[in-house]
Amino acid sequence: MPSSPSPDDRGPLRIASARGRWTLLATVLGSSVVMLGSTVTNVALPHISADFDSDGVASS
């Protein structure tokens, strides 16, 4: 019974293949989620700082 090929045995990743398109889609969606999360955080930080009566600088 032949075993399934390891990821290294499948050859190069091509955009023309379904595997390549899924990889590209996952990468773009993952990057978009990270960008959206950082934008939401940067917009919310001044409001969070005001709620805690802080100037946004940590005292040491």
N, C-alpha and C. Protein backbone atom coordinates (compact mmCIF):
# COMPACT_ATOMS: atom_id res chain seq x y z
N MET A 1 0.84 -1.16 0.00
CA MET A 1 0.00 0.00 0.00
C MET A 1 0.90 1.24 0.00
N PRO A 2 0.75 2.11 -1.01
CA PRO A 2 1.60 3.31 -1.05
C PRO A 2 1.15 4.33 -0.01
N SER A 3 2.11 4.98 0.57
CA SER A 3 1.79 6.01 1.55
C SER A 3 1.60 7.35 0.85
N SER A 4 0.92 8.26 1.52
CA SER A 4 0.72 9.58 0.92
C SER A 4 2.05 10.33 0.90
N PRO A 5 2.25 11.15 -0.11
CA PRO A 5 3.54 11.86 -0.20
C PRO A 5 3.69 12.89 0.91
N SER A 6 4.90 13.06 1.35
CA SER A 6 5.16 14.09 2.34
C SER A 6 5.09 15.45 1.66
N PRO A 7 4.95 16.53 2.42
CA PRO A 7 4.87 17.86 1.79
C PRO A 7 6.08 18.18 0.91
N ASP A 8 7.23 17.62 1.22
CA ASP A 8 8.42 17.89 0.41
C ASP A 8 8.38 17.16 -0.92
N ASP A 9 7.58 16.08 -1.03
CA ASP A 9 7.55 15.28 -2.25
C ASP A 9 6.50 15.75 -3.25
N ARG A 10 5.73 16.76 -2.91
CA ARG A 10 4.65 17.21 -3.81
C ARG A 10 5.13 18.15 -4.90
N GLY A 11 6.31 18.62 -4.85
CA GLY A 11 6.81 19.54 -5.85
C GLY A 11 6.57 20.98 -5.45
N PRO A 12 6.93 21.90 -6.33
CA PRO A 12 6.79 23.33 -5.99
C PRO A 12 5.32 23.75 -5.91
N LEU A 13 5.08 24.77 -5.12
CA LEU A 13 3.75 25.32 -4.95
C LEU A 13 3.47 26.27 -6.10
N ARG A 14 2.41 26.03 -6.83
CA ARG A 14 2.04 26.86 -7.98
C ARG A 14 0.67 27.49 -7.75
N ILE A 15 0.52 28.73 -8.15
CA ILE A 15 -0.76 29.43 -8.02
C ILE A 15 -1.81 28.79 -8.93
N ALA A 16 -1.39 28.18 -10.00
CA ALA A 16 -2.33 27.53 -10.92
C ALA A 16 -2.98 26.30 -10.32
N SER A 17 -2.43 25.78 -9.24
CA SER A 17 -3.01 24.59 -8.61
C SER A 17 -3.98 25.00 -7.51
N ALA A 18 -4.87 24.09 -7.15
CA ALA A 18 -5.81 24.37 -6.07
C ALA A 18 -5.08 24.58 -4.75
N ARG A 19 -4.05 23.80 -4.51
CA ARG A 19 -3.26 23.94 -3.28
C ARG A 19 -2.61 25.32 -3.21
N GLY A 20 -2.14 25.81 -4.32
CA GLY A 20 -1.52 27.14 -4.36
C GLY A 20 -2.53 28.25 -4.11
N ARG A 21 -3.71 28.10 -4.68
CA ARG A 21 -4.76 29.13 -4.47
C ARG A 21 -5.23 29.14 -3.02
N TRP A 22 -5.39 27.96 -2.41
CA TRP A 22 -5.80 27.90 -1.00
C TRP A 22 -4.73 28.50 -0.10
N THR A 23 -3.48 28.25 -0.43
CA THR A 23 -2.38 28.81 0.36
C THR A 23 -2.37 30.32 0.26
N LEU A 24 -2.56 30.84 -0.95
CA LEU A 24 -2.60 32.29 -1.15
C LEU A 24 -3.79 32.90 -0.41
N LEU A 25 -4.95 32.26 -0.50
CA LEU A 25 -6.14 32.77 0.18
C LEU A 25 -5.93 32.80 1.70
N ALA A 26 -5.38 31.75 2.25
CA ALA A 26 -5.14 31.70 3.70
C ALA A 26 -4.15 32.77 4.13
N THR A 27 -3.13 33.01 3.32
CA THR A 27 -2.13 34.03 3.64
C THR A 27 -2.73 35.43 3.60
N VAL A 28 -3.51 35.72 2.57
CA VAL A 28 -4.14 37.05 2.44
C VAL A 28 -5.15 37.28 3.56
N LEU A 29 -5.97 36.28 3.85
CA LEU A 29 -6.95 36.44 4.93
C LEU A 29 -6.27 36.60 6.29
N GLY A 30 -5.23 35.83 6.53
CA GLY A 30 -4.50 35.96 7.79
C GLY A 30 -3.88 37.33 7.96
N SER A 31 -3.28 37.84 6.90
CA SER A 31 -2.69 39.18 6.95
C SER A 31 -3.76 40.25 7.16
N SER A 32 -4.91 40.07 6.54
CA SER A 32 -6.00 41.03 6.70
C SER A 32 -6.52 41.06 8.12
N VAL A 33 -6.64 39.90 8.74
CA VAL A 33 -7.11 39.84 10.12
C VAL A 33 -6.13 40.52 11.06
N VAL A 34 -4.83 40.33 10.83
CA VAL A 34 -3.82 40.98 11.67
C VAL A 34 -3.87 42.49 11.49
N MET A 35 -4.01 42.96 10.25
CA MET A 35 -4.08 44.39 9.99
C MET A 35 -5.32 45.00 10.62
N LEU A 36 -6.46 44.33 10.50
CA LEU A 36 -7.69 44.82 11.10
C LEU A 36 -7.58 44.87 12.62
N GLY A 37 -6.99 43.86 13.21
CA GLY A 37 -6.82 43.83 14.65
C GLY A 37 -5.94 44.95 15.16
N SER A 38 -4.85 45.23 14.44
CA SER A 38 -3.97 46.31 14.89
C SER A 38 -4.63 47.67 14.70
N THR A 39 -5.44 47.83 13.66
CA THR A 39 -6.16 49.08 13.45
C THR A 39 -7.18 49.31 14.56
N VAL A 40 -7.93 48.29 14.90
CA VAL A 40 -8.93 48.41 15.97
C VAL A 40 -8.24 48.75 17.28
N THR A 41 -7.12 48.10 17.55
CA THR A 41 -6.38 48.37 18.79
C THR A 41 -5.89 49.82 18.83
N ASN A 42 -5.33 50.30 17.74
CA ASN A 42 -4.82 51.67 17.72
C ASN A 42 -5.93 52.71 17.84
N VAL A 43 -7.10 52.41 17.32
CA VAL A 43 -8.22 53.34 17.45
C VAL A 43 -8.76 53.31 18.88
N ALA A 44 -8.77 52.14 19.50
CA ALA A 44 -9.36 51.99 20.83
C ALA A 44 -8.44 52.46 21.95
N LEU A 45 -7.14 52.47 21.75
CA LEU A 45 -6.21 52.80 22.84
C LEU A 45 -6.47 54.16 23.49
N PRO A 46 -6.71 55.23 22.75
CA PRO A 46 -6.99 56.51 23.41
C PRO A 46 -8.25 56.46 24.28
N HIS A 47 -9.27 55.74 23.84
CA HIS A 47 -10.50 55.63 24.62
C HIS A 47 -10.28 54.79 25.88
N ILE A 48 -9.51 53.74 25.76
CA ILE A 48 -9.19 52.91 26.93
C ILE A 48 -8.36 53.72 27.92
N SER A 49 -7.41 54.48 27.41
CA SER A 49 -6.57 55.31 28.27
C SER A 49 -7.41 56.35 29.01
N ALA A 50 -8.39 56.94 28.32
CA ALA A 50 -9.25 57.94 28.97
C ALA A 50 -10.12 57.29 30.04
N ASP A 51 -10.57 56.07 29.81
CA ASP A 51 -11.39 55.37 30.81
C ASP A 51 -10.62 55.11 32.10
N PHE A 52 -9.32 54.90 31.98
CA PHE A 52 -8.50 54.64 33.15
C PHE A 52 -7.82 55.89 33.68
N ASP A 53 -8.20 57.07 33.16
CA ASP A 53 -7.60 58.35 33.55
C ASP A 53 -6.08 58.29 33.48
N SER A 54 -5.60 57.80 32.39
CA SER A 54 -4.17 57.65 32.17
C SER A 54 -3.75 58.51 30.98
N ASP A 55 -2.47 58.88 30.96
CA ASP A 55 -1.98 59.65 29.82
C ASP A 55 -1.38 58.74 28.76
N GLY A 56 -1.43 57.44 28.96
CA GLY A 56 -0.94 56.49 27.98
C GLY A 56 0.51 56.11 28.13
N VAL A 57 1.22 56.74 29.08
CA VAL A 57 2.63 56.44 29.32
C VAL A 57 2.72 55.68 30.63
N ALA A 58 3.36 54.53 30.58
CA ALA A 58 3.52 53.71 31.81
C ALA A 58 4.57 54.36 32.70
N SER A 59 4.25 54.49 33.95
CA SER A 59 5.23 55.03 34.90
C SER A 59 6.12 53.91 35.39
N SER A 60 7.40 54.25 35.58
CA SER A 60 8.32 53.20 36.04
C SER A 60 8.84 53.50 37.41
